[in-house]
Each structure stands twice: as structure tokens, then as C-alpha cells.
Amino acid sequence: MAAKKILMITGDYTEDYETMVPFQALLMVGHTVHAVCPGKQAGEQVRTAIHDFEGDQTYSEKPGHNFTLNASFADCAPADYDALIIPGGRAPEYLRLNPAVLAAVRHFAEAGKPVAAICHGAQLLSAAGVLQGRQCSAYPACAPEVVAAGGSYADIPLDKAIIDGNFVTAPAWPAHPDWLAKFLQLLGSHIEA
């Protein structure tokens, strides 16, 4: 397996699990992952939130861990990376207002590089205008944004993910096993027991 260089765009109040789990899992299998946030430098932290499903009409939110960034967004050129990860949580709702973030998302989509988005990460795909004609899963509250961007919302179980071309998307963190397995497939990574 050839190690890949992966860019993870995150921000304050990103979903704790959707940031920490893929970051650690991809490092574990030998890939390089640069976690970045616009306006922050390597060594700085973003605050995370834990979203849980407790029977309410939507998720509940609790404080998560502080996550230390290991690269600076301003120093990262998307062309230098093999793939992109977009965690969910509340970070995508403000990250989608950043033209440089949207340009980065467009780079990966247009270059056919693997893109893994989960939960509210679809908000960045939608705002970047890269969902036209694509099937995309996301947290169900993001379904109207997927459709408005010309995509087809995939209403799948919370623990599943789907692949459409170079995109792998999932509704929420319970899908991590399927989402990460499918992302590794797009990366060309093979794990043997």
C-alpha cells in the first residue's frame, strides 16, 4: 500500500468523533493526515462538540475534546494532497463561507481525488457546487441542501456509507466503519488481517 497524503479541513465545533476517529485511523494505517483550520496555525486547537442521538427531534450537543491541528491551512496547497476529508458538526456551516475552503473542495472534486464527507460535511460539498448529478448522504437535516445543489440525497441507515465516483459520504459517526472502509477503498489501501 502506498501511503497517501490527506487533507482534513476542520474548524471549531466540528464533531469530535468525526474528526478524531478518521484522523487517528488513517494515521494508524500509514497515511499522512494534515488537519487544518482556516485562520489557525499548526499547534493551535479547535474545539469539538459531541453530537448524540438521544430520542429528541435532532441531536444533542455536549462539549468535546480540544483537537490540536498539525498543519496550517494557509500553507497547504490542495494539489499536494491525494485526498480530502470533511468532518461534520457545526464547523461546515461557517467554513462554507470561506472562498479558499470552497476552492480546495472544488480542486479535489474536479481532479477526481477521493473526498470523504460525513454528516454536515455535505454543506461544504453543496456550497462548493460539486454535487450536481451526484448521490450524497448526509445528516438528514442537510438533505434540502444536497437537493438544492443538484444532488440526489441518499437516505441510508446511520451506520452506512455510499460511494459515488470519487466521493464517499455518510449520515453520521455511527457509519465510521463503513465510511472509512469505503474511503480506504477509494484510496487504494488494502488491510489484511
Protein backbone atom coordinates (compact mmCIF):
# COMPACT_ATOMS: atom_id res chain seq x y z
CA MET A 1 0.00 0.00 0.00
CA ALA A 2 1.43 3.36 -0.98
CA ALA A 3 0.92 5.94 1.75
CA LYS A 4 -1.31 8.84 0.77
CA LYS A 5 -1.22 12.46 1.85
CA ILE A 6 -4.65 13.51 3.07
CA LEU A 7 -6.00 16.96 3.89
CA MET A 8 -8.64 17.26 6.64
CA ILE A 9 -10.42 20.63 6.76
CA THR A 10 -11.95 21.20 10.16
CA GLY A 11 -12.90 24.04 12.47
CA ASP A 12 -14.32 24.97 15.84
CA TYR A 13 -17.28 22.85 16.89
CA THR A 14 -16.50 20.13 14.43
CA GLU A 15 -17.97 16.80 15.54
CA ASP A 16 -15.50 15.21 17.95
CA TYR A 17 -15.77 11.62 16.68
CA GLU A 18 -15.90 12.64 13.02
CA THR A 19 -12.60 14.46 13.43
CA MET A 20 -10.62 12.31 15.86
CA VAL A 21 -11.56 8.84 14.60
CA PRO A 22 -10.65 9.25 10.91
CA PHE A 23 -7.55 11.29 11.79
CA GLN A 24 -6.24 8.54 14.09
CA ALA A 25 -7.39 5.60 11.95
CA LEU A 26 -5.75 6.93 8.80
CA LEU A 27 -2.50 7.62 10.65
CA MET A 28 -2.67 4.10 12.05
CA VAL A 29 -2.71 2.54 8.58
CA GLY A 30 0.26 4.63 7.47
CA HIS A 31 -1.24 7.64 5.69
CA THR A 32 -0.18 11.23 6.38
CA VAL A 33 -3.08 13.41 7.53
CA HIS A 34 -2.83 17.18 7.82
CA ALA A 35 -5.64 18.58 9.96
CA VAL A 36 -6.13 22.28 9.22
CA CYS A 37 -8.49 25.14 10.01
CA PRO A 38 -8.61 28.49 8.20
CA GLY A 39 -7.17 31.25 10.37
CA LYS A 40 -5.33 28.83 12.67
CA GLN A 41 -1.78 27.56 12.67
CA ALA A 42 -0.24 24.15 13.33
CA GLY A 43 -0.18 23.57 17.09
CA GLU A 44 -3.34 25.57 17.72
CA GLN A 45 -6.55 23.81 18.68
CA VAL A 46 -10.15 23.67 17.57
CA ARG A 47 -12.93 22.96 20.00
CA THR A 48 -15.06 19.95 19.19
CA ALA A 49 -18.61 19.01 20.08
CA ILE A 50 -20.15 15.62 20.74
CA HIS A 51 -23.45 15.14 18.95
CA ASP A 52 -25.56 12.26 20.16
CA PHE A 53 -28.88 10.73 19.27
CA GLU A 54 -30.95 10.57 22.45
CA GLY A 55 -34.51 10.41 21.14
CA ASP A 56 -35.00 14.15 20.57
CA GLN A 57 -36.08 15.64 17.25
CA THR A 58 -32.43 16.33 16.47
CA TYR A 59 -29.06 15.53 18.01
CA SER A 60 -27.98 16.81 21.40
CA GLU A 61 -24.69 18.68 21.76
CA LYS A 62 -22.09 18.41 24.52
CA PRO A 63 -18.55 19.81 24.73
CA GLY A 64 -15.93 17.56 23.16
CA HIS A 65 -12.16 17.46 23.31
CA ASN A 66 -9.81 20.12 22.07
CA PHE A 67 -8.21 18.87 18.86
CA THR A 68 -4.69 20.03 18.01
CA LEU A 69 -4.08 20.96 14.38
CA ASN A 70 -0.88 19.58 12.86
CA ALA A 71 -0.64 21.87 9.81
CA SER A 72 -1.60 25.40 8.81
CA PHE A 73 -4.37 25.90 6.26
CA ALA A 74 -2.55 28.86 4.67
CA ASP A 75 0.49 26.66 3.97
CA CYS A 76 -1.44 23.77 2.36
CA ALA A 77 -1.81 23.55 -1.41
CA PRO A 78 -4.63 21.14 -2.36
CA ALA A 79 -2.60 19.98 -5.38
CA ASP A 80 -0.06 18.49 -2.95
CA TYR A 81 -2.66 16.11 -1.45
CA ASP A 82 -4.15 12.83 -2.64
CA ALA A 83 -7.49 13.07 -0.84
CA LEU A 84 -9.78 15.23 1.31
CA ILE A 85 -11.74 14.57 4.49
CA ILE A 86 -14.60 16.81 5.60
CA PRO A 87 -15.86 16.09 9.12
CA GLY A 88 -19.32 17.22 10.17
CA GLY A 89 -20.58 19.05 13.20
CA ARG A 90 -21.24 22.77 13.13
CA ALA A 91 -17.91 23.75 11.55
CA PRO A 92 -19.08 23.28 7.94
CA GLU A 93 -21.81 25.91 8.32
CA TYR A 94 -19.20 28.65 8.69
CA LEU A 95 -16.37 27.02 6.72
CA ARG A 96 -18.65 27.15 3.65
CA LEU A 97 -18.40 30.93 3.76
CA ASN A 98 -14.63 30.80 3.14
CA PRO A 99 -13.74 31.09 -0.58
CA ALA A 100 -10.37 29.33 -0.08
CA VAL A 101 -12.08 26.34 1.57
CA LEU A 102 -14.59 26.11 -1.29
CA ALA A 103 -11.76 26.32 -3.84
CA ALA A 104 -9.98 23.47 -2.07
CA VAL A 105 -13.12 21.31 -2.13
CA ARG A 106 -13.59 22.07 -5.84
CA HIS A 107 -9.97 21.09 -6.53
CA PHE A 108 -10.43 17.60 -5.08
CA ALA A 109 -13.81 17.08 -6.75
CA GLU A 110 -12.68 18.27 -10.18
CA ALA A 111 -9.36 16.38 -10.03
CA GLY A 112 -11.20 13.13 -9.24
CA LYS A 113 -9.33 12.72 -5.97
CA PRO A 114 -11.09 10.83 -3.14
CA VAL A 115 -13.35 13.02 -0.98
CA ALA A 116 -14.83 11.69 2.26
CA ALA A 117 -17.59 13.81 3.81
CA ILE A 118 -19.74 12.86 6.75
CA CYS A 119 -22.77 14.37 8.47
CA HIS A 120 -22.88 18.17 7.93
CA GLY A 121 -19.76 17.93 5.75
CA ALA A 122 -22.20 17.85 2.82
CA GLN A 123 -22.72 21.57 3.46
CA LEU A 124 -19.23 22.18 2.07
CA LEU A 125 -19.90 19.97 -0.95
CA SER A 126 -23.14 21.83 -1.58
CA ALA A 127 -21.64 25.31 -1.18
CA ALA A 128 -18.71 24.38 -3.43
CA GLY A 129 -21.14 23.41 -6.18
CA VAL A 130 -19.79 19.89 -6.66
CA LEU A 131 -22.94 17.81 -6.06
CA GLN A 132 -24.65 18.28 -9.44
CA GLY A 133 -25.81 14.84 -10.60
CA ARG A 134 -24.24 13.04 -7.63
CA GLN A 135 -25.73 10.87 -4.94
CA CYS A 136 -24.77 12.11 -1.47
CA SER A 137 -25.60 11.04 2.05
CA ALA A 138 -25.50 13.44 4.97
CA TYR A 139 -27.19 14.17 8.26
CA PRO A 140 -30.90 14.16 7.27
CA ALA A 141 -31.29 17.90 8.06
CA CYS A 142 -28.83 18.58 5.21
CA ALA A 143 -30.97 16.76 2.62
CA PRO A 144 -32.54 20.00 1.28
CA GLU A 145 -29.06 21.47 0.70
CA VAL A 146 -27.93 18.38 -1.20
CA VAL A 147 -31.02 18.55 -3.42
CA ALA A 148 -30.77 22.35 -3.90
CA ALA A 149 -27.18 21.85 -5.09
CA GLY A 150 -28.37 19.43 -7.79
CA GLY A 151 -27.51 16.25 -5.94
CA SER A 152 -29.64 13.28 -5.03
CA TYR A 153 -29.93 12.78 -1.27
CA ALA A 154 -29.21 9.18 -0.25
CA ASP A 155 -31.42 8.33 2.71
CA ILE A 156 -29.42 5.44 4.11
CA PRO A 157 -29.12 3.98 7.64
CA LEU A 158 -26.97 5.99 10.08
CA ASP A 159 -24.36 3.22 10.10
CA LYS A 160 -23.85 3.04 6.32
CA ALA A 161 -21.95 4.99 3.68
CA ILE A 162 -22.18 5.28 -0.10
CA ILE A 163 -19.69 5.81 -2.89
CA ASP A 164 -20.48 7.93 -5.95
CA GLY A 165 -17.44 8.30 -8.18
CA ASN A 166 -14.64 9.77 -6.06
CA PHE A 167 -16.98 10.73 -3.17
CA VAL A 168 -17.78 8.64 -0.12
CA THR A 169 -20.46 10.12 2.13
CA ALA A 170 -22.28 9.05 5.27
CA PRO A 171 -25.02 10.43 7.54
CA ALA A 172 -23.22 10.45 10.91
CA TRP A 173 -20.47 8.98 13.09
CA PRO A 174 -22.19 5.58 13.58
CA ALA A 175 -21.16 4.97 9.93
CA HIS A 176 -17.43 5.22 10.67
CA PRO A 177 -16.63 1.53 9.99
CA ASP A 178 -18.38 1.54 6.59
CA TRP A 179 -17.35 5.13 5.69
CA LEU A 180 -13.66 4.60 6.49
CA ALA A 181 -13.59 1.20 4.75
CA LYS A 182 -15.04 2.76 1.62
CA PHE A 183 -12.62 5.71 1.84
CA LEU A 184 -9.70 3.29 2.11
CA GLN A 185 -11.08 1.53 -0.97
CA LEU A 186 -11.06 4.84 -2.89
CA LEU A 187 -7.51 5.48 -1.66
CA GLY A 188 -6.42 2.07 -2.95
CA SER A 189 -5.46 0.98 0.58
CA HIS A 190 -5.71 -2.68 1.45
CA ILE A 191 -5.60 -4.01 5.00
CA GLU A 192 -5.01 -7.69 5.60
CA ALA A 193 -5.54 -9.49 8.85
